[in-house]
Protein backbone atom coordinates (compact mmCIF):
# COMPACT_ATOMS: atom_id res chain seq x y z
CA MET A 1 -42.52 86.03 -21.27
CA ASN A 2 -41.00 88.82 -22.98
CA SER A 3 -42.15 91.50 -21.33
CA TYR A 4 -42.66 92.40 -17.83
CA ASP A 5 -45.95 93.29 -19.84
CA ASP A 6 -46.48 89.62 -19.53
CA MET A 7 -46.28 89.30 -15.84
CA ASN A 8 -49.60 87.68 -14.31
CA TYR A 9 -51.58 88.30 -11.49
CA MET A 10 -50.07 85.59 -9.37
CA GLU A 11 -46.32 86.85 -10.11
CA MET A 12 -47.53 90.18 -9.96
CA ASP A 13 -48.99 89.22 -6.23
CA VAL A 14 -45.28 87.39 -5.53
CA ILE A 15 -43.62 91.17 -6.49
CA LYS A 16 -45.82 92.53 -4.32
CA GLU A 17 -44.44 89.55 -1.67
CA VAL A 18 -40.78 89.91 -2.30
CA GLY A 19 -41.43 94.54 -1.47
CA SER A 20 -43.85 93.85 1.70
CA ILE A 21 -40.29 91.49 3.27
CA GLY A 22 -38.17 93.89 1.81
CA THR A 23 -39.99 97.08 3.72
CA GLY A 24 -39.39 95.11 6.71
CA ASN A 25 -35.87 94.41 7.02
CA ALA A 26 -35.41 97.66 5.22
CA ALA A 27 -37.51 99.60 7.88
CA SER A 28 -35.48 98.10 10.73
CA ALA A 29 -32.14 98.75 9.46
CA LEU A 30 -32.90 102.06 8.64
CA SER A 31 -34.31 102.97 12.19
CA GLY A 32 -30.95 101.50 13.55
CA MET A 33 -29.12 103.71 11.41
CA LEU A 34 -30.94 106.86 12.63
CA GLY A 35 -31.83 106.17 15.51
CA THR A 36 -35.28 106.94 14.85
CA ARG A 37 -38.92 104.30 14.89
CA VAL A 38 -39.07 104.25 10.38
CA ARG A 39 -42.26 102.57 9.34
CA MET A 40 -42.73 101.49 5.55
CA VAL A 41 -46.33 101.24 4.36
CA LEU A 42 -47.26 98.11 2.60
CA PRO A 43 -45.35 98.76 -1.24
CA GLN A 44 -47.11 99.32 -4.19
CA VAL A 45 -46.03 97.46 -6.99
CA ASN A 46 -46.33 99.15 -11.30
CA VAL A 47 -45.30 98.29 -14.40
CA LEU A 48 -45.19 101.51 -16.66
CA ASP A 49 -43.75 102.68 -19.68
CA PHE A 50 -41.11 105.35 -18.86
CA ASN A 51 -43.57 108.57 -19.12
CA GLU A 52 -45.75 107.01 -17.24
CA ALA A 53 -42.88 106.38 -14.79
CA LEU A 54 -41.53 109.67 -14.92
CA ASN A 55 -45.37 110.98 -14.09
CA ALA A 56 -45.37 108.85 -11.39
CA ILE A 57 -42.31 109.55 -9.61
CA GLY A 58 -42.21 113.31 -10.44
CA ASN A 59 -41.44 116.03 -12.96
CA PRO A 60 -38.43 114.59 -15.53
CA GLU A 61 -37.06 117.80 -14.75
CA THR A 62 -36.50 117.79 -11.38
CA ILE A 63 -32.69 117.22 -9.63
CA VAL A 64 -33.01 113.83 -7.41
CA ALA A 65 -30.08 111.66 -6.25
CA ALA A 66 -30.38 107.77 -7.03
CA VAL A 67 -28.10 104.55 -6.22
CA MET A 68 -27.52 102.57 -8.53
CA ALA A 69 -26.17 98.90 -8.41
CA GLN A 70 -25.72 95.99 -10.61
CA MET A 71 -27.65 92.69 -9.62
CA SER A 72 -25.16 89.30 -11.04
CA LEU A 73 -24.63 85.28 -10.80
CA GLU A 74 -28.28 83.82 -10.85
CA ILE A 75 -30.14 87.37 -11.77
CA ASN A 76 -28.80 89.61 -13.89
CA GLY A 77 -30.44 93.57 -14.31
CA ILE A 78 -30.04 96.95 -12.09
CA MET A 79 -32.06 97.94 -8.40
CA LEU A 80 -32.16 101.62 -8.31
CA PHE A 81 -33.13 103.52 -5.27
CA ILE A 82 -34.09 107.52 -5.90
CA LEU A 83 -34.08 109.92 -3.27
CA LYS A 84 -35.86 112.81 -3.76
CA PRO A 85 -35.11 116.58 -1.99
CA ASP A 86 -37.40 115.79 1.37
CA LEU A 87 -35.96 112.37 2.47
CA VAL A 88 -32.19 113.95 1.64
CA ASN A 89 -32.44 116.63 4.25
CA ASP A 90 -34.40 114.12 6.76
CA ILE A 91 -31.44 111.61 6.16
CA VAL A 92 -28.61 114.46 6.60
CA GLY A 93 -30.37 116.43 9.34
CA ARG A 94 -30.53 113.88 11.24
CA LEU A 95 -26.87 112.31 10.92
CA LEU A 96 -25.36 115.11 9.57
CA GLY A 97 -27.46 118.05 11.53
CA HIS A 98 -28.07 120.28 8.75
CA HIS A 99 -30.41 121.36 5.72
CA ILE A 100 -29.41 122.02 2.22
CA ASP A 101 -30.94 123.84 -0.48
CA ASP A 102 -30.03 121.63 -3.29
CA TYR A 103 -27.50 118.95 -3.92
CA SER A 104 -25.21 120.88 -5.54
CA GLN A 105 -24.25 121.51 -1.23
CA LEU A 106 -24.40 117.97 -0.23
CA ASP A 107 -20.06 117.32 0.52
CA GLN A 108 -18.64 113.72 1.29
CA MET A 109 -20.23 113.03 4.11
CA ASP A 110 -23.67 114.02 2.80
CA ILE A 111 -23.20 111.64 0.12
CA SER A 112 -21.35 108.83 1.96
CA ALA A 113 -24.70 108.82 4.32
CA LEU A 114 -26.78 109.24 1.70
CA ASN A 115 -24.83 106.58 -0.41
CA GLU A 116 -25.48 103.86 2.93
CA VAL A 117 -29.50 104.14 2.98
CA GLY A 118 -29.52 103.51 -0.69
CA ASN A 119 -27.98 100.55 -0.21
CA ILE A 120 -29.94 99.48 2.78
CA MET A 121 -32.59 100.11 0.46
CA ILE A 122 -31.70 97.97 -2.29
CA SER A 123 -29.92 94.99 -0.40
CA SER A 124 -33.04 94.52 1.82
CA TYR A 125 -35.21 93.75 -1.57
CA VAL A 126 -32.71 91.92 -3.08
CA ASN A 127 -32.39 89.69 -0.14
CA ALA A 128 -36.12 89.65 0.25
CA LEU A 129 -35.61 88.44 -3.36
CA SER A 130 -33.01 85.75 -2.95
CA GLY A 131 -34.32 84.18 0.47
CA LEU A 132 -38.70 84.20 -1.33
CA ALA A 133 -36.41 82.88 -5.17
CA GLY A 134 -33.97 80.88 -4.08
CA VAL A 135 -31.63 82.17 -5.61
CA ASP A 136 -28.36 83.69 -5.67
CA VAL A 137 -27.82 87.33 -6.47
CA ALA A 138 -24.65 89.48 -6.45
CA LEU A 139 -24.80 93.56 -6.07
CA SER A 140 -22.24 95.85 -7.02
CA VAL A 141 -20.73 98.45 -4.86
CA PRO A 142 -23.61 100.95 -5.48
CA GLU A 143 -22.77 104.20 -6.64
CA ILE A 144 -24.51 107.35 -6.25
CA SER A 145 -25.31 110.51 -8.99
CA VAL A 146 -27.87 113.35 -8.61
CA ASN A 147 -29.50 114.49 -12.13
CA MET A 148 -32.82 115.20 -13.33
CA LEU A 149 -34.94 112.57 -13.08
CA GLY A 150 -35.51 111.62 -16.58
CA GLY A 151 -31.54 111.57 -17.27
CA ILE A 152 -31.61 108.95 -13.93
CA LEU A 153 -34.77 106.89 -15.72
CA SER A 154 -33.27 106.74 -18.55
CA VAL A 155 -30.42 104.67 -17.72
CA PRO A 156 -32.19 101.58 -17.24
CA MET A 157 -34.03 101.82 -20.49
CA ILE A 158 -30.29 102.59 -22.29
CA GLU A 159 -29.73 98.89 -20.89
CA PHE A 160 -32.32 97.57 -21.38
CA GLY A 161 -34.34 99.29 -23.94
CA TYR A 162 -34.06 96.59 -26.77
CA GLN A 163 -35.59 94.04 -24.89
CA THR A 164 -39.22 96.07 -22.72
CA ASP A 165 -39.86 99.14 -23.21
CA LYS A 166 -41.47 99.04 -19.33
CA LEU A 167 -40.41 99.48 -16.08
CA MET A 168 -40.75 97.73 -12.66
CA ILE A 169 -41.67 99.90 -10.09
CA ILE A 170 -42.29 99.51 -6.21
CA ARG A 171 -43.39 102.64 -4.67
CA GLY A 172 -43.92 102.74 -1.07
CA LYS A 173 -43.47 105.28 2.18
CA PHE A 174 -41.32 106.10 5.06
CA ILE A 175 -42.60 107.19 7.63
CA ILE A 176 -40.47 108.53 9.99
CA ASP A 177 -41.47 110.28 12.98
CA GLU A 178 -44.85 110.46 11.76
CA LYS A 179 -43.96 111.86 8.96
CA GLU A 180 -43.91 111.08 5.09
CA LEU A 181 -41.54 110.21 2.85
CA ASP A 182 -41.70 109.12 -0.63
CA SER A 183 -39.79 105.54 -1.25
CA ASP A 184 -39.33 105.05 -5.40
CA LEU A 185 -37.02 101.40 -6.35
CA LEU A 186 -36.99 100.26 -9.67
CA MET A 187 -36.12 96.52 -9.95
CA LEU A 188 -35.06 95.60 -13.37
CA PRO A 189 -33.80 92.25 -14.04
CA ASP A 190 -33.22 91.44 -17.86
CA ILE A 191 -35.98 89.22 -19.47
CA VAL A 192 -33.74 86.01 -19.20
CA SER A 193 -33.67 86.64 -15.61
CA LEU A 194 -37.27 87.91 -14.67
CA ASN A 195 -38.96 84.10 -16.70
CA TYR A 196 -35.98 82.99 -14.28
CA LEU A 197 -36.78 84.38 -11.51
CA MET A 198 -40.43 84.20 -11.76
CA LYS A 199 -40.29 80.51 -12.57
CA LYS A 200 -38.11 79.92 -8.89
CA LEU A 201 -40.89 82.63 -7.23
CA VAL A 202 -43.92 80.57 -8.48
CA HIS A 203 -42.92 77.72 -7.58
CA ASN A 204 -41.60 78.35 -4.05
CA ASN A 205 -44.46 80.40 -3.35
CA GLY A 206 -47.49 78.29 -5.03
């Protein structure tokens, strides 16, 4: 295939399976970190162009935090987890006992906690991917940044725009003490890796 657009129904279905296992892993890990029950709604997987992705996640000018890690070895690409203010406050409130009104109030301990949540999310999905496809994937040390949503989403487009103008988004919801919070994860293998990954996933799960 030449782009994410070429993925067929079976391939999208397998990615949804990665998403459901990943969310299960993530819910268990977050539950241990936050000391409370965490459930996750079964995620939806969408392949969207840049503007559609922006509109699906939120206002392009909204400030968000995002944790990004690079995938390497058998799969190359980017994993990007977006933390919106309500999720940030739930995590910071539970772990560190305070509330922020905007991202400028985040201190080093807050940033470290949010980076760890992003790391848990990204690792949970990559472990699910590795297990289902039987591939080795290494992750770089995750890095957190705070920027407008449009600026955050432009990072993978700058990296992969020459290959595809699409983004693959795994969208779900955390349910923490009956409160629903958005979970937006972008899984972006490059096109060579996407072809290899789909071949392995469909073969192993066909």
